[in-house]
Amino acid sequence: NKSHSAAYALISYQTAYLKANYSVEYMAALLSSILGLGDRTSLYIQECRSMGIPILPPDINQSGVDFTIVAVEDGKHAIRFGMGAVKNVGEAAIENIIASREHPFTDLMDFCMKVDLKQVNKRVIESLVKSGAFDLIGDRSELLEIYESTIESAQVAAKERSNGQVGLFGDAAMVSVPRRDVIR
């Protein structure tokens, strides 16, 4: 019993040291360790807020599977929400998104044309839009209105491209999806 209590005391001391001296790194690692446990995630996010650590929403162009540390301003750091913690988004879909973002996604159609829509399906896209991962690309309500038609247009364009069909003005002329004129 004494050996167990000594080991627990040492672990408690080490974690307290890390939390006090490397709080952003510690909390990012802690949040990443409990991916998929929504109730505990919200508890630890509240702890981050009470410690003054900003939590940034997921971003389709920057987030990874896990929670990551991002430099914000004046040498301060924040934690970027990991896409692995978003419900209905599997790891295979996230890996496909990360592999497809050689260049940043500019709009929803660009996203749908680059990713494999068999892995990144409607449910995944809807969950990412609702979580705020597309906020830099467009307004959530507008994206929720057009995401289904955008996916269908991207599937048609991909099918035509695989069959060797190209429009008179290239692939872009074949797509008829409402698009925002201003990108934030």
Protein backbone atom coordinates (compact mmCIF):
# COMPACT_ATOMS: atom_id res chain seq x y z
CA ASN A 1 0.00 0.00 0.00
CA LYS A 2 2.81 2.41 0.82
CA SER A 3 4.46 1.87 -2.55
CA HIS A 4 1.21 2.72 -4.33
CA SER A 5 0.64 5.85 -2.30
CA ALA A 6 4.23 6.99 -2.92
CA ALA A 7 3.81 6.47 -6.69
CA TYR A 8 0.50 8.36 -6.69
CA ALA A 9 2.06 11.20 -4.72
CA LEU A 10 4.90 11.46 -7.25
CA ILE A 11 2.48 11.49 -10.19
CA SER A 12 0.33 14.11 -8.45
CA TYR A 13 3.38 16.29 -7.86
CA GLN A 14 4.52 15.97 -11.49
CA THR A 15 1.09 16.79 -12.95
CA ALA A 16 0.67 19.75 -10.60
CA TYR A 17 4.08 21.05 -11.70
CA LEU A 18 3.17 20.70 -15.39
CA LYS A 19 -0.22 22.35 -14.90
CA ALA A 20 1.34 25.28 -13.03
CA ASN A 21 4.37 25.86 -15.28
CA TYR A 22 3.24 24.58 -18.71
CA SER A 23 -0.50 25.15 -18.43
CA VAL A 24 -1.34 25.54 -22.13
CA GLU A 25 0.65 22.47 -23.13
CA TYR A 26 -0.73 20.46 -20.22
CA MET A 27 -4.35 21.35 -20.96
CA ALA A 28 -3.94 20.65 -24.71
CA ALA A 29 -2.52 17.22 -23.91
CA LEU A 30 -5.24 16.56 -21.35
CA LEU A 31 -8.00 17.52 -23.80
CA SER A 32 -6.41 15.37 -26.50
CA SER A 33 -6.24 12.39 -24.16
CA ILE A 34 -10.02 12.34 -23.66
CA LEU A 35 -11.22 12.71 -27.27
CA GLY A 36 -14.69 11.28 -27.65
CA LEU A 37 -15.72 11.86 -24.04
CA GLY A 38 -17.93 14.92 -24.50
CA ASP A 39 -18.88 15.44 -20.87
CA ARG A 40 -15.27 15.48 -19.70
CA THR A 41 -14.21 17.65 -22.64
CA SER A 42 -16.64 20.38 -21.63
CA LEU A 43 -15.41 20.13 -18.03
CA TYR A 44 -11.78 20.63 -19.09
CA ILE A 45 -12.71 23.46 -21.46
CA GLN A 46 -14.33 25.22 -18.50
CA GLU A 47 -11.10 24.66 -16.57
CA CYS A 48 -9.12 26.24 -19.43
CA ARG A 49 -11.40 29.28 -19.37
CA SER A 50 -11.00 29.65 -15.61
CA MET A 51 -7.21 29.50 -16.10
CA GLY A 52 -7.42 32.22 -18.78
CA ILE A 53 -6.44 29.93 -21.66
CA PRO A 54 -8.39 30.81 -24.82
CA ILE A 55 -10.01 27.93 -26.70
CA LEU A 56 -10.28 28.61 -30.44
CA PRO A 57 -13.01 26.86 -32.45
CA PRO A 58 -12.11 24.12 -34.92
CA ASP A 59 -10.87 25.35 -38.29
CA ILE A 60 -11.02 23.32 -41.49
CA ASN A 61 -7.69 24.80 -42.62
CA GLN A 62 -5.74 24.54 -39.34
CA SER A 63 -7.16 21.94 -36.95
CA GLY A 64 -5.79 18.46 -36.66
CA VAL A 65 -7.21 15.39 -34.97
CA ASP A 66 -6.03 16.48 -31.51
CA PHE A 67 -6.15 19.78 -29.66
CA THR A 68 -3.15 21.87 -30.70
CA ILE A 69 -1.34 24.92 -29.38
CA VAL A 70 -1.52 28.04 -31.54
CA ALA A 71 0.37 31.30 -31.09
CA VAL A 72 -2.11 34.19 -31.04
CA GLU A 73 -0.55 37.53 -30.15
CA ASP A 74 2.24 39.02 -28.07
CA GLY A 75 3.80 35.62 -27.47
CA LYS A 76 0.60 34.25 -25.93
CA HIS A 77 -0.83 30.88 -26.86
CA ALA A 78 -4.29 29.40 -27.25
CA ILE A 79 -5.63 25.91 -27.79
CA ARG A 80 -7.19 25.12 -31.19
CA PHE A 81 -10.11 22.70 -30.89
CA GLY A 82 -9.31 19.35 -32.49
CA MET A 83 -11.64 17.97 -35.16
CA GLY A 84 -11.43 14.60 -33.42
CA ALA A 85 -13.58 16.02 -30.63
CA VAL A 86 -16.39 17.00 -33.01
CA LYS A 87 -19.25 14.48 -32.97
CA ASN A 88 -19.90 12.44 -36.13
CA VAL A 89 -16.43 13.17 -37.51
CA GLY A 90 -14.26 10.08 -37.68
CA GLU A 91 -10.50 9.88 -37.78
CA ALA A 92 -10.46 8.61 -41.39
CA ALA A 93 -12.43 11.67 -42.52
CA ILE A 94 -10.09 13.99 -40.61
CA GLU A 95 -7.00 12.37 -42.11
CA ASN A 96 -8.54 12.77 -45.58
CA ILE A 97 -9.24 16.46 -44.92
CA ILE A 98 -5.69 17.05 -43.66
CA ALA A 99 -4.20 15.26 -46.67
CA SER A 100 -6.40 17.32 -49.04
CA ARG A 101 -5.48 20.74 -47.73
CA GLU A 102 -2.23 21.28 -49.60
CA HIS A 103 -3.62 24.75 -50.26
CA PRO A 104 -6.16 26.32 -47.88
CA PHE A 105 -9.81 25.69 -48.70
CA THR A 106 -11.37 28.86 -50.10
CA ASP A 107 -15.04 27.90 -50.07
CA LEU A 108 -17.31 24.92 -49.56
CA MET A 109 -17.15 23.86 -53.22
CA ASP A 110 -13.35 23.92 -53.15
CA PHE A 111 -13.50 21.74 -50.03
CA CYS A 112 -15.92 19.27 -51.62
CA MET A 113 -13.83 19.04 -54.79
CA LYS A 114 -10.60 18.28 -52.90
CA VAL A 115 -11.75 15.72 -50.31
CA ASP A 116 -12.98 12.17 -50.87
CA LEU A 117 -16.74 12.48 -50.41
CA LYS A 118 -17.02 8.77 -49.59
CA GLN A 119 -15.10 9.37 -46.35
CA VAL A 120 -16.16 12.97 -45.77
CA ASN A 121 -19.91 12.53 -46.21
CA LYS A 122 -22.89 14.86 -45.64
CA ARG A 123 -23.08 14.07 -41.95
CA VAL A 124 -19.40 14.91 -41.42
CA ILE A 125 -19.69 18.19 -43.34
CA GLU A 126 -22.86 19.16 -41.47
CA SER A 127 -21.17 18.48 -38.12
CA LEU A 128 -18.11 20.50 -39.12
CA VAL A 129 -20.26 23.43 -40.28
CA LYS A 130 -22.29 23.37 -37.06
CA SER A 131 -19.13 23.22 -34.92
CA GLY A 132 -17.71 26.33 -36.59
CA ALA A 133 -14.94 24.70 -38.60
CA PHE A 134 -16.05 26.59 -41.73
CA ASP A 135 -16.55 29.99 -40.05
CA LEU A 136 -13.64 31.61 -41.91
CA ILE A 137 -15.10 30.43 -45.23
CA GLY A 138 -18.70 31.50 -44.76
CA ASP A 139 -21.70 32.02 -42.53
CA ARG A 140 -22.98 28.87 -40.80
CA SER A 141 -26.62 29.39 -41.73
CA GLU A 142 -25.76 29.96 -45.41
CA LEU A 143 -23.45 26.95 -45.50
CA LEU A 144 -26.12 24.76 -43.90
CA GLU A 145 -28.52 25.81 -46.65
CA ILE A 146 -26.19 24.98 -49.54
CA TYR A 147 -24.01 22.11 -48.33
CA GLU A 148 -26.21 19.33 -49.76
CA SER A 149 -26.43 20.88 -53.22
CA THR A 150 -22.70 21.64 -53.12
CA ILE A 151 -21.90 18.02 -52.35
CA GLU A 152 -24.14 16.83 -55.20
CA SER A 153 -22.49 19.27 -57.63
CA ALA A 154 -19.03 18.17 -56.54
CA GLN A 155 -19.98 14.50 -56.99
CA VAL A 156 -21.26 15.21 -60.53
CA ALA A 157 -18.12 17.17 -61.40
CA ALA A 158 -15.88 14.41 -60.01
CA LYS A 159 -17.78 11.76 -61.97
CA GLU A 160 -17.49 13.77 -65.19
CA ARG A 161 -13.82 14.40 -64.54
CA SER A 162 -13.18 10.67 -64.02
CA ASN A 163 -15.01 9.92 -67.30
CA GLY A 164 -12.75 12.38 -69.10
CA GLN A 165 -15.46 14.96 -69.74
CA VAL A 166 -14.45 18.60 -69.45
CA GLY A 167 -16.67 21.61 -70.07
CA LEU A 168 -15.89 24.30 -72.60
CA PHE A 169 -14.44 26.54 -69.87
CA GLY A 170 -13.00 23.77 -67.66
CA ASP A 171 -14.46 22.18 -64.53
CA ALA A 172 -15.40 25.51 -62.94
CA ALA A 173 -18.05 26.19 -65.59
CA MET A 174 -19.87 22.96 -64.73
CA VAL A 175 -20.48 23.91 -61.14
CA SER A 176 -23.59 25.91 -60.34
CA VAL A 177 -23.53 26.42 -56.59
CA PRO A 178 -24.35 29.72 -54.88
CA ARG A 179 -21.11 31.22 -53.62
CA ARG A 180 -20.28 34.09 -51.31
CA ASP A 181 -18.69 37.07 -53.04
CA VAL A 182 -16.78 38.09 -49.95
CA ILE A 183 -14.50 35.68 -48.13
CA ARG A 184 -13.78 36.61 -44.56
